[in-house]
Amino acid sequence: MASNVSGTPTNAQASRRPFATGWTVFAAVLMIFGGAMAIFEGIAAIAKDDLIVVTRNYAYKMNTTGWGWIHLILGIIIVLAGVALFSGAFWARAVGVVVAGLGMIANFLWLPYYPFWAIVLIAIDIFVIWALCAGTTRTSWRD
């Protein structure tokens, strides 16, 4: 049967909705929040690069202004991917996993420059990847 008497959609119809639900919305909100934090991180590194203390003898040494531009551009892409996730499209989920992974790598390399902020953003990226890979529908043994 396609629907019940009251006209509410069945599980098969509900899974074909054009907008995101559940873990995808959670991931989208976290991506927008994490991307905004990365944008602020990039602006801080570009505008006031002497504010950030650099660890000596770090293997991935780079100018903090360069890291600032990387975080700024990546943060903008993460925010845009987070907004695109609200459409519920599969391509947006795939792009979200890729940019969250890139954000996690960038923040891992940023650890000696700003450790607390980098760890927070790494944790957000882990939650985003988990939420996007968790699946879109929930099934139970009773269905």
C-alpha atoms as a PDB file:
ATOM      1  CA  MET A   1       0.000   0.000   0.000  1.00  0.00           C
ATOM      2  CA  ALA A   2       1.401   3.414  -0.936  1.00  0.00           C
ATOM      3  CA  SER A   3      -0.083   5.428   1.930  1.00  0.00           C
ATOM      4  CA  ASN A   4      -2.419   5.034   4.807  1.00  0.00           C
ATOM      5  CA  VAL A   5      -5.917   6.453   5.231  1.00  0.00           C
ATOM      6  CA  SER A   6      -4.745   9.799   6.595  1.00  0.00           C
ATOM      7  CA  GLY A   7      -2.558  10.403   3.550  1.00  0.00           C
ATOM      8  CA  THR A   8       0.755  10.421   5.409  1.00  0.00           C
ATOM      9  CA  PRO A   9       3.692   8.991   3.449  1.00  0.00           C
ATOM     10  CA  THR A  10       5.025   5.507   4.073  1.00  0.00           C
ATOM     11  CA  ASN A  11       8.701   4.777   4.824  1.00  0.00           C
ATOM     12  CA  ALA A  12       9.478   4.298   1.125  1.00  0.00           C
ATOM     13  CA  GLN A  13       7.922   7.646   0.239  1.00  0.00           C
ATOM     14  CA  ALA A  14       9.536   9.455   3.178  1.00  0.00           C
ATOM     15  CA  SER A  15      13.013   8.332   2.112  1.00  0.00           C
ATOM     16  CA  ARG A  16      12.595  10.068  -1.269  1.00  0.00           C
ATOM     17  CA  ARG A  17      12.114  13.558   0.150  1.00  0.00           C
ATOM     18  CA  PRO A  18      14.088  16.238  -1.722  1.00  0.00           C
ATOM     19  CA  PHE A  19      15.507  17.832   1.425  1.00  0.00           C
ATOM     20  CA  ALA A  20      17.953  16.581   3.991  1.00  0.00           C
ATOM     21  CA  THR A  21      16.958  15.056   7.310  1.00  0.00           C
ATOM     22  CA  GLY A  22      18.581  13.547  10.385  1.00  0.00           C
ATOM     23  CA  TRP A  23      22.331  13.119  10.345  1.00  0.00           C
ATOM     24  CA  THR A  24      22.683  15.071   7.106  1.00  0.00           C
ATOM     25  CA  VAL A  25      21.232  18.193   8.723  1.00  0.00           C
ATOM     26  CA  PHE A  26      23.507  17.623  11.739  1.00  0.00           C
ATOM     27  CA  ALA A  27      26.516  17.386   9.408  1.00  0.00           C
ATOM     28  CA  ALA A  28      25.429  20.476   7.460  1.00  0.00           C
ATOM     29  CA  VAL A  29      25.138  22.578  10.603  1.00  0.00           C
ATOM     30  CA  LEU A  30      28.506  21.346  11.883  1.00  0.00           C
ATOM     31  CA  MET A  31      30.112  22.074   8.505  1.00  0.00           C
ATOM     32  CA  ILE A  32      28.762  25.619   8.472  1.00  0.00           C
ATOM     33  CA  PHE A  33      29.969  26.153  12.047  1.00  0.00           C
ATOM     34  CA  GLY A  34      33.370  24.517  11.440  1.00  0.00           C
ATOM     35  CA  GLY A  35      33.819  26.356   8.146  1.00  0.00           C
ATOM     36  CA  ALA A  36      33.085  29.679   9.831  1.00  0.00           C
ATOM     37  CA  MET A  37      35.670  28.861  12.504  1.00  0.00           C
ATOM     38  CA  ALA A  38      38.207  28.019   9.773  1.00  0.00           C
ATOM     39  CA  ILE A  39      37.425  31.344   8.069  1.00  0.00           C
ATOM     40  CA  PHE A  40      38.084  33.205  11.323  1.00  0.00           C
ATOM     41  CA  GLU A  41      41.250  31.178  11.811  1.00  0.00           C
ATOM     42  CA  GLY A  42      42.418  32.141   8.327  1.00  0.00           C
ATOM     43  CA  ILE A  43      41.609  35.812   8.806  1.00  0.00           C
ATOM     44  CA  ALA A  44      43.492  35.849  12.116  1.00  0.00           C
ATOM     45  CA  ALA A  45      46.551  34.238  10.524  1.00  0.00           C
ATOM     46  CA  ILE A  46      46.507  36.646   7.567  1.00  0.00           C
ATOM     47  CA  ALA A  47      45.798  39.872   9.443  1.00  0.00           C
ATOM     48  CA  LYS A  48      47.926  39.333  12.538  1.00  0.00           C
ATOM     49  CA  ASP A  49      50.452  36.604  11.743  1.00  0.00           C
ATOM     50  CA  ASP A  50      52.743  37.674  14.597  1.00  0.00           C
ATOM     51  CA  LEU A  51      49.946  36.774  17.058  1.00  0.00           C
ATOM     52  CA  ILE A  52      50.426  33.066  16.333  1.00  0.00           C
ATOM     53  CA  VAL A  53      53.400  31.416  18.016  1.00  0.00           C
ATOM     54  CA  VAL A  54      55.239  28.994  15.769  1.00  0.00           C
ATOM     55  CA  THR A  55      56.930  25.897  17.173  1.00  0.00           C
ATOM     56  CA  ARG A  56      60.593  25.580  16.257  1.00  0.00           C
ATOM     57  CA  ASN A  57      61.821  22.629  14.185  1.00  0.00           C
ATOM     58  CA  TYR A  58      58.356  21.656  12.958  1.00  0.00           C
ATOM     59  CA  ALA A  59      58.489  19.314   9.947  1.00  0.00           C
ATOM     60  CA  TYR A  60      55.740  21.142   8.015  1.00  0.00           C
ATOM     61  CA  LYS A  61      56.985  24.663   8.568  1.00  0.00           C
ATOM     62  CA  MET A  62      55.177  27.282   6.499  1.00  0.00           C
ATOM     63  CA  ASN A  63      54.557  30.992   6.687  1.00  0.00           C
ATOM     64  CA  THR A  64      51.495  31.663   8.860  1.00  0.00           C
ATOM     65  CA  THR A  65      50.096  33.972   6.204  1.00  0.00           C
ATOM     66  CA  GLY A  66      50.191  31.067   3.756  1.00  0.00           C
ATOM     67  CA  TRP A  67      48.420  28.829   6.275  1.00  0.00           C
ATOM     68  CA  GLY A  68      45.899  31.625   6.772  1.00  0.00           C
ATOM     69  CA  TRP A  69      45.019  31.670   3.077  1.00  0.00           C
ATOM     70  CA  ILE A  70      44.700  27.870   3.055  1.00  0.00           C
ATOM     71  CA  HIS A  71      42.312  27.941   6.017  1.00  0.00           C
ATOM     72  CA  LEU A  72      40.335  30.874   4.626  1.00  0.00           C
ATOM     73  CA  ILE A  73      39.756  29.251   1.230  1.00  0.00           C
ATOM     74  CA  LEU A  74      39.062  25.830   2.730  1.00  0.00           C
ATOM     75  CA  GLY A  75      36.663  27.376   5.262  1.00  0.00           C
ATOM     76  CA  ILE A  76      34.668  29.063   2.493  1.00  0.00           C
ATOM     77  CA  ILE A  77      34.449  25.778   0.569  1.00  0.00           C
ATOM     78  CA  ILE A  78      33.352  23.926   3.727  1.00  0.00           C
ATOM     79  CA  VAL A  79      30.599  26.484   4.420  1.00  0.00           C
ATOM     80  CA  LEU A  80      29.356  26.247   0.819  1.00  0.00           C
ATOM     81  CA  ALA A  81      29.372  22.436   0.989  1.00  0.00           C
ATOM     82  CA  GLY A  82      27.467  22.606   4.280  1.00  0.00           C
ATOM     83  CA  VAL A  83      24.803  24.801   2.700  1.00  0.00           C
ATOM     84  CA  ALA A  84      24.597  22.417  -0.276  1.00  0.00           C
ATOM     85  CA  LEU A  85      23.958  19.506   2.108  1.00  0.00           C
ATOM     86  CA  PHE A  86      20.530  20.922   2.927  1.00  0.00           C
ATOM     87  CA  SER A  87      19.439  19.829  -0.568  1.00  0.00           C
ATOM     88  CA  GLY A  88      19.949  16.193   0.452  1.00  0.00           C
ATOM     89  CA  ALA A  89      21.757  15.406  -2.812  1.00  0.00           C
ATOM     90  CA  PHE A  90      24.254  12.546  -2.872  1.00  0.00           C
ATOM     91  CA  TRP A  91      26.910  14.691  -4.551  1.00  0.00           C
ATOM     92  CA  ALA A  92      26.710  17.148  -1.636  1.00  0.00           C
ATOM     93  CA  ARG A  93      27.327  14.282   0.806  1.00  0.00           C
ATOM     94  CA  ALA A  94      30.369  13.133  -1.190  1.00  0.00           C
ATOM     95  CA  VAL A  95      31.763  16.667  -1.429  1.00  0.00           C
ATOM     96  CA  GLY A  96      31.110  17.104   2.301  1.00  0.00           C
ATOM     97  CA  VAL A  97      33.159  14.029   3.172  1.00  0.00           C
ATOM     98  CA  VAL A  98      36.033  15.155   0.926  1.00  0.00           C
ATOM     99  CA  VAL A  99      36.214  18.755   2.196  1.00  0.00           C
ATOM    100  CA  ALA A 100      35.809  17.649   5.828  1.00  0.00           C
ATOM    101  CA  GLY A 101      38.732  15.265   5.280  1.00  0.00           C
ATOM    102  CA  LEU A 102      40.812  18.055   3.757  1.00  0.00           C
ATOM    103  CA  GLY A 103      39.886  20.296   6.682  1.00  0.00           C
ATOM    104  CA  MET A 104      40.964  17.596   9.109  1.00  0.00           C
ATOM    105  CA  ILE A 105      44.346  17.252   7.372  1.00  0.00           C
ATOM    106  CA  ALA A 106      44.859  21.037   7.288  1.00  0.00           C
ATOM    107  CA  ASN A 107      44.070  21.314  10.992  1.00  0.00           C
ATOM    108  CA  PHE A 108      46.373  18.414  11.825  1.00  0.00           C
ATOM    109  CA  LEU A 109      49.187  20.305  10.112  1.00  0.00           C
ATOM    110  CA  TRP A 110      48.079  23.465  11.983  1.00  0.00           C
ATOM    111  CA  LEU A 111      48.435  21.785  15.425  1.00  0.00           C
ATOM    112  CA  PRO A 112      51.746  23.464  16.423  1.00  0.00           C
ATOM    113  CA  TYR A 113      50.419  26.912  15.530  1.00  0.00           C
ATOM    114  CA  TYR A 114      47.099  26.874  17.405  1.00  0.00           C
ATOM    115  CA  PRO A 115      46.631  23.488  19.134  1.00  0.00           C
ATOM    116  CA  PHE A 116      43.313  23.929  20.961  1.00  0.00           C
ATOM    117  CA  TRP A 117      41.464  25.390  17.972  1.00  0.00           C
ATOM    118  CA  ALA A 118      42.949  22.765  15.647  1.00  0.00           C
ATOM    119  CA  ILE A 119      41.841  19.905  17.927  1.00  0.00           C
ATOM    120  CA  VAL A 120      38.307  21.315  18.130  1.00  0.00           C
ATOM    121  CA  LEU A 121      38.085  21.583  14.338  1.00  0.00           C
ATOM    122  CA  ILE A 122      39.513  18.079  13.881  1.00  0.00           C
ATOM    123  CA  ALA A 123      36.798  16.746  16.213  1.00  0.00           C
ATOM    124  CA  ILE A 124      34.107  18.625  14.265  1.00  0.00           C
ATOM    125  CA  ASP A 125      35.417  17.196  10.986  1.00  0.00           C
ATOM    126  CA  ILE A 126      35.366  13.669  12.455  1.00  0.00           C
ATOM    127  CA  PHE A 127      31.717  14.117  13.494  1.00  0.00           C
ATOM    128  CA  VAL A 128      30.853  15.495  10.031  1.00  0.00           C
ATOM    129  CA  ILE A 129      32.418  12.542   8.229  1.00  0.00           C
ATOM    130  CA  TRP A 130      30.709  10.098  10.590  1.00  0.00           C
ATOM    131  CA  ALA A 131      27.322  11.797  10.178  1.00  0.00           C
ATOM    132  CA  LEU A 132      27.591  11.836   6.385  1.00  0.00           C
ATOM    133  CA  CYS A 133      28.616   8.189   6.236  1.00  0.00           C
ATOM    134  CA  ALA A 134      26.049   6.990   8.791  1.00  0.00           C
ATOM    135  CA  GLY A 135      23.315   6.701   6.176  1.00  0.00           C
ATOM    136  CA  THR A 136      20.132   8.521   5.320  1.00  0.00           C
ATOM    137  CA  THR A 137      17.476   6.091   6.455  1.00  0.00           C
ATOM    138  CA  ARG A 138      16.941   4.158   9.638  1.00  0.00           C
ATOM    139  CA  THR A 139      15.444   0.706   9.434  1.00  0.00           C
ATOM    140  CA  SER A 140      14.281  -1.468  12.271  1.00  0.00           C
ATOM    141  CA  TRP A 141      13.770  -5.182  12.610  1.00  0.00           C
ATOM    142  CA  ARG A 142      10.004  -4.595  12.721  1.00  0.00           C
ATOM    143  CA  ASP A 143       9.745  -3.245   9.135  1.00  0.00           C
END
